[in-house]
Amino acid sequence: MNFFDIDNRIIEASQKAMELCKSKLDEINDIQEYNQQKMIKAFQEAGVRESHFSGSTGYGYDDFGRDALDRVYAYAFDAEDALVRHNFASGTHTLTVALFGILRPNDTMLSVTGMPYDTIRSAIGLEGNYPGSLKDFGINFEMVDLKADGTVDYEAVEQRIREEKPKMVYIQRSRGYSIRPSLTYREIKKLCEISKKTSPKSIIMLDNCYGEFVEKVTPMSVGVDIMAGSLIKNAGGGIAPTGGYIAGKKELVEMCAYRLTTPGTGKEIGATLGNNRELFMGAYHAPFVSCEALKTAVFASALFEILGYDTTPKYSENRGDIIQLIMLGNEEKLCSFCEGIQSGSAVDSFVKPEPSDMPGYESQVIMAAGAFTLGSSIELSADAPLREPYAVWMQGGLNFCSGKLGVMLAADKILKKSEEN
């Protein structure tokens, strides 16, 4: 059965890749089962019932479904409280609400994982000079550079925290458009231990995007005070149509809620407008879907390693997020990879990705994403700037079978394009 006319060499390589990563896939299955059972328990502890799926209008007073959804995520993330809303426009918006909710003029935000991801920089005030940024409100930003190999410089972190005594220690879990490794709970735990020991009053905030449900241990259980992420990544299970979450200590979540709505009303208002059912379903599916994406990343790493490419993480390494980086070496292979990913999509499979200029990037960027939800990166997608080292960042896969197919088609496209030339 070969519906997509994939070259036999790619099929054979994919069979070898499956053998190579079998033990790692088994590990992921174990994580998947653990977190899925925990999520079912979260639903039961929150007392979820069919009536919670009804939406509210107007002010949204006494929306018991909205409140139950908060309890579900709080339990799943080992947090005291959570703020889960469809009207978070993006992960960046969610993070920005948390930052403005907690930080005040003259406070210092210290990033201990180098420069934050591109889209949050304008909110901080590092790029663009937009009115309304943290900088505009007199909030200071400092950062600790990563080591040359992209890992955290723990000695420098400890020294800077001791000197700065910052209001917030900020951690970005995922790699963004960089080659540095993402953080597992072990690295996050070490950073929390350093911060708590050196500056106990500093608030530890984690950008948890792409990292939800990829491990059994949650960031909240190792010392993080507040974290945030997007519902169109891992945490929404590929079903949530939009939204984000903030989870952590109760008093910090309340401060963020006051920023989202108004001081004094906080979590008590906010109509759900019929979105509850999809958000509950997204939460329910999130542990399963996140690990399906994780399996897709592991398979991609194994396949492209067999085909002679450098990958990070390696298929056998522990992972802190669902992102897979593959070094393709030149522009043609990069574009072919994205074409192959797009051709394996159920939606917009006929579209050919083309490099284009994008605000905030010096190089042109190519993106492949055939998704049921616009911009959803828990669905199989790939993107990259067209510059050295011509690496592609791939993530997602609602189920492993479709994710595996997309990866094979990407490899097949590279092979066939190279033989044409």
Protein backbone atom coordinates (compact mmCIF):
# COMPACT_ATOMS: atom_id res chain seq x y z
CA MET A 1 0.00 0.00 0.00
CA ASN A 2 1.70 3.15 -1.25
CA PHE A 3 -0.89 5.86 -1.85
CA PHE A 4 1.76 8.57 -2.24
CA ASP A 5 4.32 6.94 -4.57
CA ILE A 6 7.11 7.18 -2.02
CA ASP A 7 10.47 5.93 -3.25
CA ASN A 8 11.31 2.45 -1.95
CA ARG A 9 14.62 3.74 -0.58
CA ILE A 10 12.72 6.09 1.72
CA ILE A 11 10.32 3.31 2.73
CA GLU A 12 13.24 1.04 3.61
CA ALA A 13 14.96 3.81 5.54
CA SER A 14 11.75 4.52 7.44
CA GLN A 15 11.51 0.85 8.45
CA LYS A 16 15.07 1.03 9.78
CA ALA A 17 14.20 4.26 11.60
CA MET A 18 11.24 2.58 13.32
CA GLU A 19 13.52 -0.22 14.51
CA LEU A 20 16.11 2.31 15.66
CA CYS A 21 13.71 4.37 17.77
CA LYS A 22 11.44 1.59 19.05
CA SER A 23 12.62 1.83 22.65
CA LYS A 24 12.22 5.62 22.66
CA LEU A 25 8.70 5.32 21.23
CA ASP A 26 7.91 2.83 24.00
CA GLU A 27 9.11 5.38 26.56
CA ILE A 28 6.83 8.00 25.03
CA ASN A 29 3.89 5.58 25.14
CA ASP A 30 4.48 5.24 28.88
CA ILE A 31 4.49 9.05 29.31
CA GLN A 32 1.37 9.27 27.16
CA GLU A 33 -0.54 6.76 29.28
CA TYR A 34 0.53 8.41 32.54
CA ASN A 35 -0.52 11.90 31.49
CA GLN A 36 -3.76 10.69 29.89
CA GLN A 37 -4.80 8.97 33.09
CA LYS A 38 -3.84 12.08 35.05
CA MET A 39 -6.00 14.21 32.75
CA ILE A 40 -9.01 11.93 33.25
CA LYS A 41 -8.46 12.25 37.00
CA ALA A 42 -8.29 16.04 36.55
CA PHE A 43 -11.72 15.98 34.87
CA GLN A 44 -13.14 13.88 37.68
CA GLU A 45 -11.62 16.05 40.42
CA ALA A 46 -13.09 19.13 38.73
CA GLY A 47 -16.51 17.47 38.59
CA VAL A 48 -16.88 18.00 34.85
CA ARG A 49 -20.44 17.45 33.64
CA GLU A 50 -22.30 17.91 30.38
CA SER A 51 -23.83 21.20 31.52
CA HIS A 52 -20.32 22.68 31.73
CA PHE A 53 -20.16 22.66 27.92
CA SER A 54 -22.81 25.36 27.62
CA GLY A 55 -21.57 28.86 26.85
CA SER A 56 -22.27 32.13 28.61
CA THR A 57 -22.85 35.62 27.20
CA GLY A 58 -22.51 39.18 28.43
CA TYR A 59 -20.34 39.44 31.53
CA GLY A 60 -20.15 35.68 31.91
CA TYR A 61 -21.00 35.68 35.60
CA ASP A 62 -21.36 32.23 37.19
CA ASP A 63 -19.94 30.39 34.19
CA PHE A 64 -19.38 27.10 35.98
CA GLY A 65 -17.86 25.46 32.91
CA ARG A 66 -15.19 28.14 32.66
CA ASP A 67 -14.34 27.65 36.33
CA ALA A 68 -14.23 23.86 35.99
CA LEU A 69 -11.86 24.14 33.03
CA ASP A 70 -9.51 26.21 35.16
CA ARG A 71 -9.56 23.45 37.78
CA VAL A 72 -8.83 20.79 35.15
CA TYR A 73 -5.68 22.52 33.95
CA ALA A 74 -4.57 23.39 37.47
CA TYR A 75 -4.70 19.71 38.45
CA ALA A 76 -3.03 18.53 35.24
CA PHE A 77 -0.17 21.03 35.71
CA ASP A 78 0.21 20.54 39.50
CA ALA A 79 -0.67 24.21 39.98
CA GLU A 80 -2.68 25.95 42.67
CA ASP A 81 -4.82 27.72 40.07
CA ALA A 82 -5.13 28.32 36.35
CA LEU A 83 -6.58 30.88 33.97
CA VAL A 84 -7.71 29.22 30.72
CA ARG A 85 -9.46 31.47 28.21
CA HIS A 86 -10.41 31.36 24.54
CA ASN A 87 -9.78 35.10 24.24
CA PHE A 88 -6.03 34.80 24.66
CA ALA A 89 -5.16 35.60 21.05
CA SER A 90 -1.86 33.71 20.99
CA GLY A 91 0.88 32.28 23.17
CA THR A 92 2.67 35.63 22.99
CA HIS A 93 -0.47 37.42 24.14
CA THR A 94 -0.82 34.99 27.04
CA LEU A 95 2.80 35.49 28.10
CA THR A 96 2.40 39.26 27.80
CA VAL A 97 -0.67 39.25 30.07
CA ALA A 98 1.32 37.30 32.65
CA LEU A 99 4.31 39.65 32.44
CA PHE A 100 2.17 42.78 32.78
CA GLY A 101 0.10 41.14 35.48
CA ILE A 102 3.12 40.53 37.70
CA LEU A 103 5.76 43.15 36.89
CA ARG A 104 5.64 46.79 38.00
CA PRO A 105 7.65 49.94 37.11
CA ASN A 106 11.33 49.66 38.12
CA ASP A 107 11.08 45.87 38.46
CA THR A 108 13.70 43.77 36.67
CA MET A 109 12.95 40.78 34.49
CA LEU A 110 16.02 38.54 34.14
CA SER A 111 15.99 36.01 31.30
CA VAL A 112 18.30 33.14 32.25
CA THR A 113 17.99 31.35 28.89
CA GLY A 114 19.40 34.04 26.64
CA MET A 115 17.39 36.18 24.24
CA PRO A 116 13.68 35.32 24.28
CA TYR A 117 11.82 34.17 21.18
CA ASP A 118 11.22 36.71 18.40
CA THR A 119 7.53 37.49 18.95
CA ILE A 120 7.84 38.33 22.66
CA ARG A 121 10.69 40.81 22.12
CA SER A 122 8.43 43.67 21.00
CA ALA A 123 6.23 43.18 24.08
CA ILE A 124 9.31 43.44 26.30
CA GLY A 125 10.57 46.46 24.36
CA LEU A 126 13.65 44.89 22.82
CA GLU A 127 12.57 45.48 19.22
CA GLY A 128 10.33 47.89 17.35
CA ASN A 129 9.97 50.60 20.00
CA TYR A 130 6.21 49.99 20.20
CA PRO A 131 4.19 52.04 22.69
CA GLY A 132 2.86 49.99 25.58
CA SER A 133 5.83 47.61 25.95
CA LEU A 134 7.29 46.64 29.32
CA LYS A 135 10.15 49.05 28.61
CA ASP A 136 7.61 51.83 28.03
CA PHE A 137 6.31 51.21 31.56
CA GLY A 138 9.76 51.42 33.12
CA ILE A 139 10.32 47.67 33.53
CA ASN A 140 13.95 46.62 33.12
CA PHE A 141 15.09 43.65 31.05
CA GLU A 142 18.35 41.82 31.65
CA MET A 143 19.57 38.49 30.38
CA VAL A 144 22.21 35.84 30.90
CA ASP A 145 23.76 34.58 27.68
CA LEU A 146 23.80 30.88 26.97
CA LYS A 147 27.10 29.02 26.61
CA ALA A 148 28.61 28.59 23.17
CA ASP A 149 26.99 25.16 22.89
CA GLY A 150 23.56 26.61 23.65
CA THR A 151 23.25 25.19 27.15
CA VAL A 152 22.45 27.20 30.28
CA ASP A 153 25.39 28.87 32.02
CA TYR A 154 24.41 27.99 35.58
CA GLU A 155 27.36 29.73 37.22
CA ALA A 156 26.60 32.97 35.39
CA VAL A 157 22.90 32.60 36.24
CA GLU A 158 23.66 32.24 39.94
CA GLN A 159 25.97 35.24 39.90
CA ARG A 160 23.48 37.49 38.07
CA ILE A 161 20.57 36.50 40.31
CA ARG A 162 22.70 37.23 43.36
CA GLU A 163 23.67 40.65 41.98
CA GLU A 164 20.31 41.67 40.50
CA LYS A 165 17.84 40.14 42.97
CA PRO A 166 15.33 40.45 40.08
CA LYS A 167 11.59 40.60 40.56
CA MET A 168 11.29 37.85 37.94
CA VAL A 169 13.54 35.04 36.77
CA TYR A 170 12.31 34.23 33.26
CA ILE A 171 12.88 30.84 31.62
CA GLN A 172 12.08 29.93 28.02
CA ARG A 173 11.70 26.19 27.73
CA SER A 174 11.71 25.81 23.97
CA ARG A 175 14.49 26.64 21.54
CA GLY A 176 12.65 29.13 19.32
CA TYR A 177 14.55 29.86 16.10
CA SER A 178 17.83 28.77 17.63
CA ILE A 179 19.90 25.62 17.73
CA ARG A 180 20.16 25.49 21.51
CA PRO A 181 18.54 22.48 23.21
CA SER A 182 15.13 22.82 24.81
CA LEU A 183 14.89 22.36 28.56
CA THR A 184 13.68 19.21 30.28
CA TYR A 185 12.30 19.32 33.81
CA ARG A 186 15.82 18.56 35.08
CA GLU A 187 17.30 21.82 33.75
CA ILE A 188 14.23 23.75 34.88
CA LYS A 189 14.56 22.23 38.35
CA LYS A 190 18.21 23.23 38.58
CA LEU A 191 17.40 26.82 37.59
CA CYS A 192 14.61 26.93 40.18
CA GLU A 193 16.92 25.61 42.89
CA ILE A 194 19.54 28.25 42.08
CA SER A 195 16.94 31.03 42.09
CA LYS A 196 15.21 29.94 45.30
CA LYS A 197 18.54 29.62 47.09
CA THR A 198 20.06 32.87 45.79
CA SER A 199 16.98 35.14 45.70
CA PRO A 200 13.99 33.51 47.44
CA LYS A 201 11.64 36.41 46.68
CA SER A 202 12.21 36.34 42.92
CA ILE A 203 9.24 35.00 40.96
CA ILE A 204 10.14 32.19 38.55
CA MET A 205 8.16 32.39 35.32
CA LEU A 206 8.31 29.80 32.55
CA ASP A 207 7.39 30.14 28.89
CA ASN A 208 6.11 26.57 28.59
CA CYS A 209 5.07 26.68 24.91
CA TYR A 210 5.66 23.35 23.10
CA GLY A 211 6.61 21.62 26.37
CA GLU A 212 3.29 20.52 27.85
CA PHE A 213 2.76 16.78 28.47
CA VAL A 214 6.09 15.65 26.99
CA GLU A 215 7.26 14.45 30.41
CA LYS A 216 5.64 13.03 33.52
CA VAL A 217 7.18 15.68 35.76
CA THR A 218 5.60 19.14 35.50
CA PRO A 219 7.49 22.43 35.84
CA MET A 220 5.22 23.47 38.72
CA SER A 221 6.35 20.45 40.73
CA VAL A 222 10.03 21.44 40.50
CA GLY A 223 9.78 25.06 41.60
CA VAL A 224 8.24 27.20 38.83
CA ASP A 225 5.88 29.84 40.28
CA ILE A 226 3.92 30.77 37.15
CA MET A 227 3.88 29.51 33.57
CA ALA A 228 1.98 30.17 30.38
CA GLY A 229 1.34 28.65 26.99
CA SER A 230 -0.89 28.45 23.94
CA LEU A 231 -3.92 26.25 23.37
CA ILE A 232 -3.13 25.88 19.66
CA LYS A 233 0.07 24.11 20.64
CA ASN A 234 0.29 21.06 22.92
CA ALA A 235 -2.14 22.17 25.59
CA GLY A 236 -5.19 22.38 23.31
CA GLY A 237 -4.91 18.90 21.88
CA GLY A 238 -5.44 20.02 18.30
CA ILE A 239 -9.11 20.75 19.06
CA ALA A 240 -9.08 24.09 20.87
CA PRO A 241 -9.63 26.66 18.08
CA THR A 242 -7.75 29.43 19.90
CA GLY A 243 -6.75 30.49 23.41
CA GLY A 244 -4.08 30.15 26.06
CA TYR A 245 -3.48 29.30 29.69
CA ILE A 246 -1.68 30.69 32.70
CA ALA A 247 -1.08 28.34 35.64
CA GLY A 248 0.73 28.64 38.94
CA LYS A 249 0.46 30.03 42.42
CA LYS A 250 -3.01 31.28 43.20
CA GLU A 251 -2.05 34.87 44.04
CA LEU A 252 0.00 35.20 40.84
CA VAL A 253 -2.77 33.78 38.66
CA GLU A 254 -5.14 36.28 40.26
CA MET A 255 -2.79 39.15 39.39
CA CYS A 256 -2.73 37.94 35.78
CA ALA A 257 -6.54 37.70 35.75
CA TYR A 258 -6.75 41.32 36.92
CA ARG A 259 -4.62 42.26 33.92
CA LEU A 260 -6.73 40.21 31.49
CA THR A 261 -10.01 41.77 32.68
CA THR A 262 -9.96 44.45 35.40
CA PRO A 263 -8.65 44.77 38.95
CA GLY A 264 -11.38 43.48 41.21
CA THR A 265 -13.23 41.36 38.65
CA GLY A 266 -10.41 39.09 37.47
CA LYS A 267 -11.58 35.53 36.83
CA GLU A 268 -15.19 36.28 37.77
CA ILE A 269 -16.12 37.67 34.35
CA GLY A 270 -15.57 36.71 30.74
CA ALA A 271 -18.23 35.11 28.56
CA THR A 272 -17.23 31.80 26.98
CA LEU A 273 -19.61 32.22 24.00
CA GLY A 274 -20.01 28.49 23.34
CA ASN A 275 -16.31 27.62 23.31
CA ASN A 276 -16.32 25.46 26.45
CA ARG A 277 -16.98 22.13 24.76
CA GLU A 278 -14.03 22.43 22.36
CA LEU A 279 -11.72 23.62 25.13
CA PHE A 280 -12.67 20.69 27.35
CA MET A 281 -12.21 18.25 24.47
CA GLY A 282 -8.85 19.84 23.68
CA ALA A 283 -7.71 19.38 27.27
CA TYR A 284 -8.88 15.78 27.24
CA HIS A 285 -6.93 14.97 24.06
CA ALA A 286 -3.84 17.06 24.88
CA PRO A 287 -1.72 14.36 26.59
CA PHE A 288 -2.33 11.91 23.75
CA VAL A 289 -1.81 14.40 20.90
CA SER A 290 1.32 15.93 22.47
CA CYS A 291 2.97 12.52 22.62
CA GLU A 292 1.90 11.70 19.06
CA ALA A 293 3.76 14.84 18.01
CA LEU A 294 6.69 13.75 20.16
CA LYS A 295 6.79 10.38 18.40
CA THR A 296 6.74 12.14 15.03
CA ALA A 297 9.76 14.21 16.06
CA VAL A 298 11.67 11.13 17.24
CA PHE A 299 10.92 9.30 13.99
CA ALA A 300 12.01 12.31 11.93
CA SER A 301 15.28 12.47 13.82
CA ALA A 302 15.96 8.76 13.30
CA LEU A 303 15.02 8.80 9.59
CA PHE A 304 17.09 11.83 8.67
CA GLU A 305 20.04 10.56 10.70
CA ILE A 306 19.92 7.37 8.63
CA LEU A 307 19.79 9.54 5.51
CA GLY A 308 22.99 11.31 6.58
CA TYR A 309 21.77 14.56 8.14
CA ASP A 310 22.59 16.11 11.50
CA THR A 311 19.58 16.37 13.80
CA THR A 312 18.89 17.84 17.21
CA PRO A 313 17.72 16.38 19.44
CA LYS A 314 19.00 12.95 18.43
CA TYR A 315 16.29 10.29 18.33
CA SER A 316 17.62 8.70 21.52
CA GLU A 317 17.85 11.89 23.61
CA ASN A 318 15.39 13.08 26.23
CA ARG A 319 13.21 15.93 25.04
CA GLY A 320 11.74 19.03 26.64
CA ASP A 321 9.43 19.94 23.75
CA ILE A 322 7.97 18.64 20.48
CA ILE A 323 10.31 20.55 18.15
CA GLN A 324 12.74 18.72 15.87
CA LEU A 325 15.64 20.49 14.18
CA ILE A 326 17.15 19.02 11.01
CA MET A 327 20.26 20.46 9.33
CA LEU A 328 19.57 20.26 5.59
CA GLY A 329 22.63 22.10 4.29
CA ASN A 330 21.23 24.20 1.46
CA GLU A 331 18.24 26.24 0.33
CA GLU A 332 16.97 23.70 -2.21
CA LYS A 333 16.73 20.88 0.33
CA LEU A 334 15.11 23.22 2.86
CA CYS A 335 12.40 24.20 0.39
CA SER A 336 11.92 20.59 -0.70
CA PHE A 337 11.45 19.48 2.89
CA CYS A 338 8.72 22.05 3.43
CA GLU A 339 7.05 21.10 0.15
CA GLY A 340 6.99 17.48 1.29
CA ILE A 341 5.48 18.32 4.67
CA GLN A 342 2.79 20.39 2.97
CA SER A 343 1.99 17.61 0.50
CA GLY A 344 1.26 15.26 3.39
CA SER A 345 -1.37 17.52 4.91
CA ALA A 346 -5.10 16.79 4.88
CA VAL A 347 -5.74 20.51 4.39
CA ASP A 348 -4.15 22.63 1.61
CA SER A 349 -2.00 19.74 0.40
CA PHE A 350 -1.94 21.29 -3.09
CA VAL A 351 -0.22 24.47 -1.88
CA LYS A 352 3.48 24.91 -2.63
CA PRO A 353 5.28 26.79 0.17
CA GLU A 354 7.36 29.70 -1.10
CA PRO A 355 9.97 31.76 0.77
CA SER A 356 8.83 35.29 1.57
CA ASP A 357 9.80 38.36 3.55
CA MET A 358 8.43 38.53 7.07
CA PRO A 359 8.47 41.37 9.60
CA GLY A 360 11.21 40.94 12.17
CA TYR A 361 13.37 38.61 10.10
CA GLU A 362 16.48 39.61 8.14
CA SER A 363 16.17 36.57 5.86
CA GLN A 364 13.21 35.25 3.93
CA VAL A 365 11.20 32.58 5.75
CA ILE A 366 9.51 29.47 4.36
CA MET A 367 6.62 27.80 6.18
CA ALA A 368 4.66 24.61 5.60
CA ALA A 369 1.41 24.11 7.48
CA GLY A 370 -1.76 22.44 6.28
CA ALA A 371 -3.86 22.80 9.41
CA PHE A 372 -7.47 22.61 10.55
CA THR A 373 -6.72 25.56 12.85
CA LEU A 374 -4.83 28.50 11.36
CA GLY A 375 -1.34 28.72 12.85
CA SER A 376 -1.76 25.59 14.96
CA SER A 377 1.72 24.19 15.60
CA ILE A 378 0.51 21.02 17.30
CA GLU A 379 -0.50 20.04 13.77
CA LEU A 380 2.40 18.96 11.57
CA SER A 381 4.28 22.00 10.34
CA ALA A 382 7.77 23.12 9.39
CA ASP A 383 9.38 26.50 9.01
CA ALA A 384 12.79 28.08 8.68
CA PRO A 385 14.64 31.25 7.70
CA LEU A 386 16.61 30.86 4.48
CA ARG A 387 20.08 31.30 5.89
CA GLU A 388 22.98 29.23 7.20
CA PRO A 389 22.95 26.52 8.47
CA TYR A 390 19.74 25.93 6.44
CA ALA A 391 18.08 24.12 9.32
CA VAL A 392 14.37 23.40 9.45
CA TRP A 393 12.27 23.49 12.60
CA MET A 394 9.55 20.85 12.50
CA GLN A 395 6.83 20.27 15.06
CA GLY A 396 3.45 18.66 15.55
CA GLY A 397 1.45 15.76 14.24
CA LEU A 398 -2.09 15.13 15.49
CA ASN A 399 -1.46 11.42 15.22
CA PHE A 400 1.74 9.50 14.60
CA CYS A 401 0.55 7.81 11.39
CA SER A 402 -0.08 11.13 9.65
CA GLY A 403 3.05 12.69 11.15
CA LYS A 404 5.20 9.79 9.97
CA LEU A 405 3.75 10.10 6.46
CA GLY A 406 4.54 13.82 6.31
CA VAL A 407 8.15 13.20 7.34
CA MET A 408 8.55 10.43 4.75
CA LEU A 409 7.13 12.69 2.04
CA ALA A 410 9.60 15.41 3.05
CA ALA A 411 12.49 12.95 2.69
CA ASP A 412 11.05 11.67 -0.60
CA LYS A 413 10.75 15.20 -2.01
CA ILE A 414 14.41 15.94 -1.17
CA LEU A 415 15.56 12.70 -2.79
CA LYS A 416 13.57 13.14 -5.99
CA LYS A 417 14.44 16.84 -6.36
CA SER A 418 18.16 16.12 -5.96
CA GLU A 419 18.02 13.42 -8.64
CA GLU A 420 16.28 15.78 -11.05
CA ASN A 421 19.25 18.19 -10.98
